[in-house]
Amino acid sequence: MNDNRTIDPAQMRAVAQVQRWRDFSAHLGAYVVINLILLLIWALTGGGEFWPGVSLAAWGLGLSSQHFLNSFSPMTVDAAARELERHRSRHRD
């Protein structure tokens, strides 16, 4: 399928920004689920040294940097165009 529709720069920026937040939400969901599992394993095996803290801290640092970039870095037209092309290439038949 060849999609030749055009989107103006403001629309491209908006589409890319929405995708960035969707990606962040997916990463946040994975962070919560996996770290809850690690906490459950830690608790069920008697506690002891808090080894899930490594995952919580390291992954949390990555999530916070992703959130910071989503919140404070401007979405350029070029970046939005690349994101739109990436999205289109994933959904081609």
PDB file of N, CA and C in Angstrom:
ATOM      1  N   MET A   1       0.841  -1.167   0.000  1.00  0.00           N
ATOM      2  CA  MET A   1       0.000   0.000   0.000  1.00  0.00           C
ATOM      3  C   MET A   1       0.890   1.237   0.000  1.00  0.00           C
ATOM      4  N   ASN A   2       0.667   2.136  -0.914  1.00  0.00           N
ATOM      5  CA  ASN A   2       1.452   3.354  -1.006  1.00  0.00           C
ATOM      6  C   ASN A   2       0.619   4.505  -0.477  1.00  0.00           C
ATOM      7  N   ASP A   3       1.089   5.130   0.584  1.00  0.00           N
ATOM      8  CA  ASP A   3       0.354   6.202   1.231  1.00  0.00           C
ATOM      9  C   ASP A   3       1.039   7.526   0.924  1.00  0.00           C
ATOM     10  N   ASN A   4       0.455   8.319   0.038  1.00  0.00           N
ATOM     11  CA  ASN A   4       1.059   9.577  -0.377  1.00  0.00           C
ATOM     12  C   ASN A   4       0.416  10.793   0.269  1.00  0.00           C
ATOM     13  N   ARG A   5      -0.365  10.595   1.323  1.00  0.00           N
ATOM     14  CA  ARG A   5      -0.985  11.733   1.997  1.00  0.00           C
ATOM     15  C   ARG A   5       0.096  12.601   2.619  1.00  0.00           C
ATOM     16  N   THR A   6      -0.162  13.891   2.655  1.00  0.00           N
ATOM     17  CA  THR A   6       0.805  14.794   3.271  1.00  0.00           C
ATOM     18  C   THR A   6       0.270  15.279   4.608  1.00  0.00           C
ATOM     19  N   ILE A   7       1.184  15.571   5.476  1.00  0.00           N
ATOM     20  CA  ILE A   7       0.846  16.080   6.794  1.00  0.00           C
ATOM     21  C   ILE A   7       1.706  17.311   7.021  1.00  0.00           C
ATOM     22  N   ASP A   8       1.091  18.359   7.529  1.00  0.00           N
ATOM     23  CA  ASP A   8       1.873  19.574   7.751  1.00  0.00           C
ATOM     24  C   ASP A   8       2.801  19.390   8.953  1.00  0.00           C
ATOM     25  N   PRO A   9       3.812  20.248   9.092  1.00  0.00           N
ATOM     26  CA  PRO A   9       4.804  20.081  10.166  1.00  0.00           C
ATOM     27  C   PRO A   9       4.202  20.040  11.570  1.00  0.00           C
ATOM     28  N   ALA A  10       3.203  20.831  11.840  1.00  0.00           N
ATOM     29  CA  ALA A  10       2.590  20.812  13.172  1.00  0.00           C
ATOM     30  C   ALA A  10       1.940  19.459  13.455  1.00  0.00           C
ATOM     31  N   GLN A  11       1.298  18.888  12.450  1.00  0.00           N
ATOM     32  CA  GLN A  11       0.694  17.565  12.617  1.00  0.00           C
ATOM     33  C   GLN A  11       1.767  16.504  12.838  1.00  0.00           C
ATOM     34  N   MET A  12       2.867  16.602  12.105  1.00  0.00           N
ATOM     35  CA  MET A  12       3.956  15.640  12.279  1.00  0.00           C
ATOM     36  C   MET A  12       4.516  15.703  13.688  1.00  0.00           C
ATOM     37  N   ARG A  13       4.707  16.918  14.200  1.00  0.00           N
ATOM     38  CA  ARG A  13       5.218  17.059  15.559  1.00  0.00           C
ATOM     39  C   ARG A  13       4.245  16.452  16.566  1.00  0.00           C
ATOM     40  N   ALA A  14       2.976  16.693  16.364  1.00  0.00           N
ATOM     41  CA  ALA A  14       1.957  16.166  17.285  1.00  0.00           C
ATOM     42  C   ALA A  14       1.924  14.644  17.256  1.00  0.00           C
ATOM     43  N   VAL A  15       1.971  14.074  16.074  1.00  0.00           N
ATOM     44  CA  VAL A  15       1.959  12.613  15.943  1.00  0.00           C
ATOM     45  C   VAL A  15       3.174  12.015  16.640  1.00  0.00           C
ATOM     46  N   ALA A  16       4.329  12.605  16.405  1.00  0.00           N
ATOM     47  CA  ALA A  16       5.548  12.083  17.011  1.00  0.00           C
ATOM     48  C   ALA A  16       5.522  12.228  18.532  1.00  0.00           C
ATOM     49  N   GLN A  17       5.017  13.331  19.016  1.00  0.00           N
ATOM     50  CA  GLN A  17       4.956  13.533  20.465  1.00  0.00           C
ATOM     51  C   GLN A  17       4.001  12.540  21.116  1.00  0.00           C
ATOM     52  N   VAL A  18       2.879  12.279  20.479  1.00  0.00           N
ATOM     53  CA  VAL A  18       1.943  11.269  21.002  1.00  0.00           C
ATOM     54  C   VAL A  18       2.623   9.908  21.048  1.00  0.00           C
ATOM     55  N   GLN A  19       3.374   9.568  20.014  1.00  0.00           N
ATOM     56  CA  GLN A  19       4.064   8.281  19.990  1.00  0.00           C
ATOM     57  C   GLN A  19       5.110   8.203  21.097  1.00  0.00           C
ATOM     58  N   ARG A  20       5.808   9.298  21.348  1.00  0.00           N
ATOM     59  CA  ARG A  20       6.802   9.305  22.421  1.00  0.00           C
ATOM     60  C   ARG A  20       6.143   9.012  23.764  1.00  0.00           C
ATOM     61  N   TRP A  21       4.967   9.607  24.026  1.00  0.00           N
ATOM     62  CA  TRP A  21       4.286   9.364  25.289  1.00  0.00           C
ATOM     63  C   TRP A  21       3.700   7.962  25.358  1.00  0.00           C
ATOM     64  N   ARG A  22       3.259   7.433  24.225  1.00  0.00           N
ATOM     65  CA  ARG A  22       2.775   6.037  24.224  1.00  0.00           C
ATOM     66  C   ARG A  22       3.921   5.078  24.531  1.00  0.00           C
ATOM     67  N   ASP A  23       5.082   5.330  23.941  1.00  0.00           N
ATOM     68  CA  ASP A  23       6.247   4.502  24.233  1.00  0.00           C
ATOM     69  C   ASP A  23       6.603   4.582  25.714  1.00  0.00           C
ATOM     70  N   PHE A  24       6.572   5.786  26.276  1.00  0.00           N
ATOM     71  CA  PHE A  24       6.869   5.957  27.697  1.00  0.00           C
ATOM     72  C   PHE A  24       5.871   5.175  28.548  1.00  0.00           C
ATOM     73  N   SER A  25       4.592   5.244  28.194  1.00  0.00           N
ATOM     74  CA  SER A  25       3.568   4.518  28.957  1.00  0.00           C
ATOM     75  C   SER A  25       3.809   3.016  28.920  1.00  0.00           C
ATOM     76  N   ALA A  26       4.196   2.502  27.768  1.00  0.00           N
ATOM     77  CA  ALA A  26       4.491   1.073  27.656  1.00  0.00           C
ATOM     78  C   ALA A  26       5.692   0.700  28.520  1.00  0.00           C
ATOM     79  N   HIS A  27       6.731   1.523  28.504  1.00  0.00           N
ATOM     80  CA  HIS A  27       7.913   1.251  29.324  1.00  0.00           C
ATOM     81  C   HIS A  27       7.582   1.345  30.813  1.00  0.00           C
ATOM     82  N   LEU A  28       6.753   2.302  31.173  1.00  0.00           N
ATOM     83  CA  LEU A  28       6.343   2.438  32.567  1.00  0.00           C
ATOM     84  C   LEU A  28       5.549   1.213  33.024  1.00  0.00           C
ATOM     85  N   GLY A  29       4.651   0.740  32.177  1.00  0.00           N
ATOM     86  CA  GLY A  29       3.878  -0.456  32.510  1.00  0.00           C
ATOM     87  C   GLY A  29       4.767  -1.671  32.711  1.00  0.00           C
ATOM     88  N   ALA A  30       5.740  -1.852  31.836  1.00  0.00           N
ATOM     89  CA  ALA A  30       6.679  -2.971  31.977  1.00  0.00           C
ATOM     90  C   ALA A  30       7.494  -2.825  33.256  1.00  0.00           C
ATOM     91  N   TYR A  31       7.922  -1.609  33.559  1.00  0.00           N
ATOM     92  CA  TYR A  31       8.692  -1.338  34.783  1.00  0.00           C
ATOM     93  C   TYR A  31       7.902  -1.757  36.018  1.00  0.00           C
ATOM     94  N   VAL A  32       6.648  -1.357  36.064  1.00  0.00           N
ATOM     95  CA  VAL A  32       5.810  -1.662  37.234  1.00  0.00           C
ATOM     96  C   VAL A  32       5.595  -3.168  37.361  1.00  0.00           C
ATOM     97  N   VAL A  33       5.191  -3.816  36.278  1.00  0.00           N
ATOM     98  CA  VAL A  33       4.885  -5.254  36.338  1.00  0.00           C
ATOM     99  C   VAL A  33       6.124  -6.071  36.706  1.00  0.00           C
ATOM    100  N   ILE A  34       7.215  -5.841  36.011  1.00  0.00           N
ATOM    101  CA  ILE A  34       8.415  -6.653  36.249  1.00  0.00           C
ATOM    102  C   ILE A  34       8.988  -6.396  37.634  1.00  0.00           C
ATOM    103  N   ASN A  35       9.004  -5.144  38.057  1.00  0.00           N
ATOM    104  CA  ASN A  35       9.556  -4.874  39.381  1.00  0.00           C
ATOM    105  C   ASN A  35       8.645  -5.372  40.496  1.00  0.00           C
ATOM    106  N   LEU A  36       7.337  -5.386  40.267  1.00  0.00           N
ATOM    107  CA  LEU A  36       6.445  -6.016  41.253  1.00  0.00           C
ATOM    108  C   LEU A  36       6.733  -7.508  41.369  1.00  0.00           C
ATOM    109  N   ILE A  37       6.979  -8.151  40.242  1.00  0.00           N
ATOM    110  CA  ILE A  37       7.332  -9.582  40.260  1.00  0.00           C
ATOM    111  C   ILE A  37       8.632  -9.789  41.022  1.00  0.00           C
ATOM    112  N   LEU A  38       9.637  -8.940  40.752  1.00  0.00           N
ATOM    113  CA  LEU A  38      10.907  -9.058  41.476  1.00  0.00           C
ATOM    114  C   LEU A  38      10.722  -8.839  42.981  1.00  0.00           C
ATOM    115  N   LEU A  39       9.887  -7.872  43.337  1.00  0.00           N
ATOM    116  CA  LEU A  39       9.619  -7.632  44.756  1.00  0.00           C
ATOM    117  C   LEU A  39       8.908  -8.821  45.399  1.00  0.00           C
ATOM    118  N   LEU A  40       7.987  -9.418  44.668  1.00  0.00           N
ATOM    119  CA  LEU A  40       7.276 -10.592  45.168  1.00  0.00           C
ATOM    120  C   LEU A  40       8.249 -11.758  45.369  1.00  0.00           C
ATOM    121  N   ILE A  41       9.117 -11.989  44.409  1.00  0.00           N
ATOM    122  CA  ILE A  41      10.119 -13.058  44.541  1.00  0.00           C
ATOM    123  C   ILE A  41      11.009 -12.795  45.751  1.00  0.00           C
ATOM    124  N   TRP A  42      11.460 -11.557  45.882  1.00  0.00           N
ATOM    125  CA  TRP A  42      12.311 -11.194  47.014  1.00  0.00           C
ATOM    126  C   TRP A  42      11.589 -11.462  48.340  1.00  0.00           C
ATOM    127  N   ALA A  43      10.321 -11.056  48.431  1.00  0.00           N
ATOM    128  CA  ALA A  43       9.558 -11.238  49.673  1.00  0.00           C
ATOM    129  C   ALA A  43       9.296 -12.711  49.961  1.00  0.00           C
ATOM    130  N   LEU A  44       8.971 -13.487  48.911  1.00  0.00           N
ATOM    131  CA  LEU A  44       8.657 -14.902  49.116  1.00  0.00           C
ATOM    132  C   LEU A  44       9.880 -15.748  49.432  1.00  0.00           C
ATOM    133  N   THR A  45      11.055 -15.247  49.102  1.00  0.00           N
ATOM    134  CA  THR A  45      12.277 -16.002  49.403  1.00  0.00           C
ATOM    135  C   THR A  45      12.925 -15.552  50.700  1.00  0.00           C
ATOM    136  N   GLY A  46      12.181 -14.824  51.518  1.00  0.00           N
ATOM    137  CA  GLY A  46      12.659 -14.488  52.848  1.00  0.00           C
ATOM    138  C   GLY A  46      13.241 -13.099  53.006  1.00  0.00           C
ATOM    139  N   GLY A  47      13.145 -12.295  51.986  1.00  0.00           N
ATOM    140  CA  GLY A  47      13.670 -10.930  52.124  1.00  0.00           C
ATOM    141  C   GLY A  47      15.180 -10.913  52.058  1.00  0.00           C
ATOM    142  N   GLY A  48      15.774 -10.486  53.116  1.00  0.00           N
ATOM    143  CA  GLY A  48      17.232 -10.387  53.132  1.00  0.00           C
ATOM    144  C   GLY A  48      17.693  -9.115  52.437  1.00  0.00           C
ATOM    145  N   GLU A  49      18.884  -9.198  51.887  1.00  0.00           N
ATOM    146  CA  GLU A  49      19.424  -8.036  51.182  1.00  0.00           C
ATOM    147  C   GLU A  49      18.466  -7.623  50.063  1.00  0.00           C
ATOM    148  N   PHE A  50      18.235  -6.335  49.931  1.00  0.00           N
ATOM    149  CA  PHE A  50      17.218  -5.835  48.994  1.00  0.00           C
ATOM    150  C   PHE A  50      17.777  -5.736  47.572  1.00  0.00           C
ATOM    151  N   TRP A  51      17.918  -6.873  46.905  1.00  0.00           N
ATOM    152  CA  TRP A  51      18.468  -6.897  45.555  1.00  0.00           C
ATOM    153  C   TRP A  51      17.540  -6.314  44.495  1.00  0.00           C
ATOM    154  N   PRO A  52      16.196  -6.287  44.672  1.00  0.00           N
ATOM    155  CA  PRO A  52      15.367  -5.637  43.647  1.00  0.00           C
ATOM    156  C   PRO A  52      15.646  -4.134  43.508  1.00  0.00           C
ATOM    157  N   GLY A  53      16.314  -3.571  44.506  1.00  0.00           N
ATOM    158  CA  GLY A  53      16.637  -2.149  44.454  1.00  0.00           C
ATOM    159  C   GLY A  53      17.512  -1.787  43.264  1.00  0.00           C
ATOM    160  N   VAL A  54      18.334  -2.720  42.829  1.00  0.00           N
ATOM    161  CA  VAL A  54      19.192  -2.462  41.661  1.00  0.00           C
ATOM    162  C   VAL A  54      18.327  -2.224  40.433  1.00  0.00           C
ATOM    163  N   SER A  55      17.360  -3.092  40.212  1.00  0.00           N
ATOM    164  CA  SER A  55      16.457  -2.939  39.065  1.00  0.00           C
ATOM    165  C   SER A  55      15.603  -1.687  39.200  1.00  0.00           C
ATOM    166  N   LEU A  56      15.060  -1.484  40.379  1.00  0.00           N
ATOM    167  CA  LEU A  56      14.213  -0.310  40.609  1.00  0.00           C
ATOM    168  C   LEU A  56      14.979   0.983  40.319  1.00  0.00           C
ATOM    169  N   ALA A  57      16.205   1.067  40.818  1.00  0.00           N
ATOM    170  CA  ALA A  57      16.988   2.295  40.652  1.00  0.00           C
ATOM    171  C   ALA A  57      17.475   2.478  39.217  1.00  0.00           C
ATOM    172  N   ALA A  58      18.071   1.434  38.640  1.00  0.00           N
ATOM    173  CA  ALA A  58      18.648   1.564  37.292  1.00  0.00           C
ATOM    174  C   ALA A  58      17.563   1.812  36.248  1.00  0.00           C
ATOM    175  N   TRP A  59      16.524   1.002  36.285  1.00  0.00           N
ATOM    176  CA  TRP A  59      15.440   1.157  35.318  1.00  0.00           C
ATOM    177  C   TRP A  59      14.690   2.460  35.573  1.00  0.00           C
ATOM    178  N   GLY A  60      14.526   2.810  36.836  1.00  0.00           N
ATOM    179  CA  GLY A  60      13.868   4.056  37.181  1.00  0.00           C
ATOM    180  C   GLY A  60      14.628   5.264  36.655  1.00  0.00           C
ATOM    181  N   LEU A  61      15.951   5.197  36.682  1.00  0.00           N
ATOM    182  CA  LEU A  61      16.770   6.276  36.131  1.00  0.00           C
ATOM    183  C   LEU A  61      16.534   6.412  34.628  1.00  0.00           C
ATOM    184  N   GLY A  62      16.475   5.275  33.938  1.00  0.00           N
ATOM    185  CA  GLY A  62      16.183   5.306  32.501  1.00  0.00           C
ATOM    186  C   GLY A  62      14.805   5.882  32.209  1.00  0.00           C
ATOM    187  N   LEU A  63      13.815   5.482  32.994  1.00  0.00           N
ATOM    188  CA  LEU A  63      12.462   6.016  32.813  1.00  0.00           C
ATOM    189  C   LEU A  63      12.395   7.515  33.088  1.00  0.00           C
ATOM    190  N   SER A  64      13.094   7.933  34.117  1.00  0.00           N
ATOM    191  CA  SER A  64      13.052   9.365  34.429  1.00  0.00           C
ATOM    192  C   SER A  64      13.731  10.187  33.336  1.00  0.00           C
ATOM    193  N   SER A  65      14.795   9.652  32.731  1.00  0.00           N
ATOM    194  CA  SER A  65      15.430  10.389  31.635  1.00  0.00           C
ATOM    195  C   SER A  65      14.522  10.423  30.413  1.00  0.00           C
ATOM    196  N   GLN A  66      13.804   9.330  30.159  1.00  0.00           N
ATOM    197  CA  GLN A  66      12.852   9.321  29.039  1.00  0.00           C
ATOM    198  C   GLN A  66      11.733  10.333  29.294  1.00  0.00           C
ATOM    199  N   HIS A  67      11.248  10.390  30.518  1.00  0.00           N
ATOM    200  CA  HIS A  67      10.206  11.359  30.858  1.00  0.00           C
ATOM    201  C   HIS A  67      10.722  12.781  30.699  1.00  0.00           C
ATOM    202  N   PHE A  68      11.945  13.030  31.157  1.00  0.00           N
ATOM    203  CA  PHE A  68      12.546  14.350  31.031  1.00  0.00           C
ATOM    204  C   PHE A  68      12.647  14.753  29.559  1.00  0.00           C
ATOM    205  N   LEU A  69      13.131  13.837  28.718  1.00  0.00           N
ATOM    206  CA  LEU A  69      13.256  14.148  27.289  1.00  0.00           C
ATOM    207  C   LEU A  69      11.895  14.401  26.648  1.00  0.00           C
ATOM    208  N   ASN A  70      10.913  13.618  27.014  1.00  0.00           N
ATOM    209  CA  ASN A  70       9.567  13.830  26.469  1.00  0.00           C
ATOM    210  C   ASN A  70       8.995  15.175  26.904  1.00  0.00           C
ATOM    211  N   SER A  71       9.313  15.577  28.107  1.00  0.00           N
ATOM    212  CA  SER A  71       8.730  16.801  28.655  1.00  0.00           C
ATOM    213  C   SER A  71       9.434  18.073  28.224  1.00  0.00           C
ATOM    214  N   PHE A  72      10.754  18.006  28.076  1.00  0.00           N
ATOM    215  CA  PHE A  72      11.504  19.244  27.907  1.00  0.00           C
ATOM    216  C   PHE A  72      12.267  19.380  26.596  1.00  0.00           C
ATOM    217  N   SER A  73      12.394  18.322  25.817  1.00  0.00           N
ATOM    218  CA  SER A  73      13.105  18.468  24.549  1.00  0.00           C
ATOM    219  C   SER A  73      12.090  18.753  23.444  1.00  0.00           C
ATOM    220  N   PRO A  74      12.319  19.786  22.666  1.00  0.00           N
ATOM    221  CA  PRO A  74      11.359  20.124  21.617  1.00  0.00           C
ATOM    222  C   PRO A  74      11.370  19.088  20.504  1.00  0.00           C
ATOM    223  N   MET A  75      10.202  18.826  19.966  1.00  0.00           N
ATOM    224  CA  MET A  75      10.077  17.913  18.837  1.00  0.00           C
ATOM    225  C   MET A  75      10.283  18.730  17.572  1.00  0.00           C
ATOM    226  N   THR A  76      11.324  18.420  16.819  1.00  0.00           N
ATOM    227  CA  THR A  76      11.594  19.149  15.586  1.00  0.00           C
ATOM    228  C   THR A  76      10.810  18.538  14.427  1.00  0.00           C
ATOM    229  N   VAL A  77      10.692  19.281  13.365  1.00  0.00           N
ATOM    230  CA  VAL A  77       9.999  18.782  12.177  1.00  0.00           C
ATOM    231  C   VAL A  77      10.726  17.560  11.627  1.00  0.00           C
ATOM    232  N   ASP A  78      12.063  17.605  11.592  1.00  0.00           N
ATOM    233  CA  ASP A  78      12.823  16.461  11.076  1.00  0.00           C
ATOM    234  C   ASP A  78      12.606  15.210  11.930  1.00  0.00           C
ATOM    235  N   ALA A  79      12.633  15.379  13.236  1.00  0.00           N
ATOM    236  CA  ALA A  79      12.399  14.235  14.119  1.00  0.00           C
ATOM    237  C   ALA A  79      10.985  13.704  13.956  1.00  0.00           C
ATOM    238  N   ALA A  80      10.025  14.597  13.797  1.00  0.00           N
ATOM    239  CA  ALA A  80       8.636  14.175  13.597  1.00  0.00           C
ATOM    240  C   ALA A  80       8.484  13.437  12.267  1.00  0.00           C
ATOM    241  N   ALA A  81       9.152  13.911  11.236  1.00  0.00           N
ATOM    242  CA  ALA A  81       9.083  13.246   9.930  1.00  0.00           C
ATOM    243  C   ALA A  81       9.683  11.848  10.008  1.00  0.00           C
ATOM    244  N   ARG A  82      10.808  11.714  10.726  1.00  0.00           N
ATOM    245  CA  ARG A  82      11.416  10.383  10.893  1.00  0.00           C
ATOM    246  C   ARG A  82      10.482   9.450  11.654  1.00  0.00           C
ATOM    247  N   GLU A  83       9.849   9.963  12.701  1.00  0.00           N
ATOM    248  CA  GLU A  83       8.921   9.153  13.485  1.00  0.00           C
ATOM    249  C   GLU A  83       7.726   8.719  12.647  1.00  0.00           C
ATOM    250  N   LEU A  84       7.200   9.632  11.849  1.00  0.00           N
ATOM    251  CA  LEU A  84       6.066   9.311  10.994  1.00  0.00           C
ATOM    252  C   LEU A  84       6.451   8.259   9.964  1.00  0.00           C
ATOM    253  N   GLU A  85       7.638   8.373   9.390  1.00  0.00           N
ATOM    254  CA  GLU A  85       8.101   7.387   8.415  1.00  0.00           C
ATOM    255  C   GLU A  85       8.315   6.030   9.075  1.00  0.00           C
ATOM    256  N   ARG A  86       8.857   6.044  10.285  1.00  0.00           N
ATOM    257  CA  ARG A  86       9.045   4.785  11.020  1.00  0.00           C
ATOM    258  C   ARG A  86       7.694   4.117  11.274  1.00  0.00           C
ATOM    259  N   HIS A  87       6.717   4.914  11.662  1.00  0.00           N
ATOM    260  CA  HIS A  87       5.382   4.382  11.907  1.00  0.00           C
ATOM    261  C   HIS A  87       4.768   3.821  10.624  1.00  0.00           C
ATOM    262  N   ARG A  88       4.895   4.555   9.549  1.00  0.00           N
ATOM    263  CA  ARG A  88       4.340   4.093   8.270  1.00  0.00           C
ATOM    264  C   ARG A  88       5.027   2.818   7.788  1.00  0.00           C
ATOM    265  N   SER A  89       6.333   2.723   7.968  1.00  0.00           N
ATOM    266  CA  SER A  89       7.055   1.533   7.504  1.00  0.00           C
ATOM    267  C   SER A  89       6.663   0.299   8.307  1.00  0.00           C
ATOM    268  N   ARG A  90       6.310   0.476   9.572  1.00  0.00           N
ATOM    269  CA  ARG A  90       5.871  -0.657  10.395  1.00  0.00           C
ATOM    270  C   ARG A  90       4.492  -1.141  10.003  1.00  0.00           C
ATOM    271  N   HIS A  91       3.691  -0.267   9.426  1.00  0.00           N
ATOM    272  CA  HIS A  91       2.295  -0.612   9.142  1.00  0.00           C
ATOM    273  C   HIS A  91       2.009  -0.783   7.654  1.00  0.00           C
ATOM    274  N   ARG A  92       3.038  -0.942   6.862  1.00  0.00           N
ATOM    275  CA  ARG A  92       2.822  -1.211   5.432  1.00  0.00           C
ATOM    276  C   ARG A  92       2.456  -2.667   5.240  1.00  0.00           C
ATOM    277  N   ASP A  93       1.631  -2.917   4.262  1.00  0.00           N
ATOM    278  CA  ASP A  93       1.223  -4.318   3.967  1.00  0.00           C
ATOM    279  C   ASP A  93       2.264  -5.025   3.151  1.00  0.00           C
TER     280      ASP A  93
END
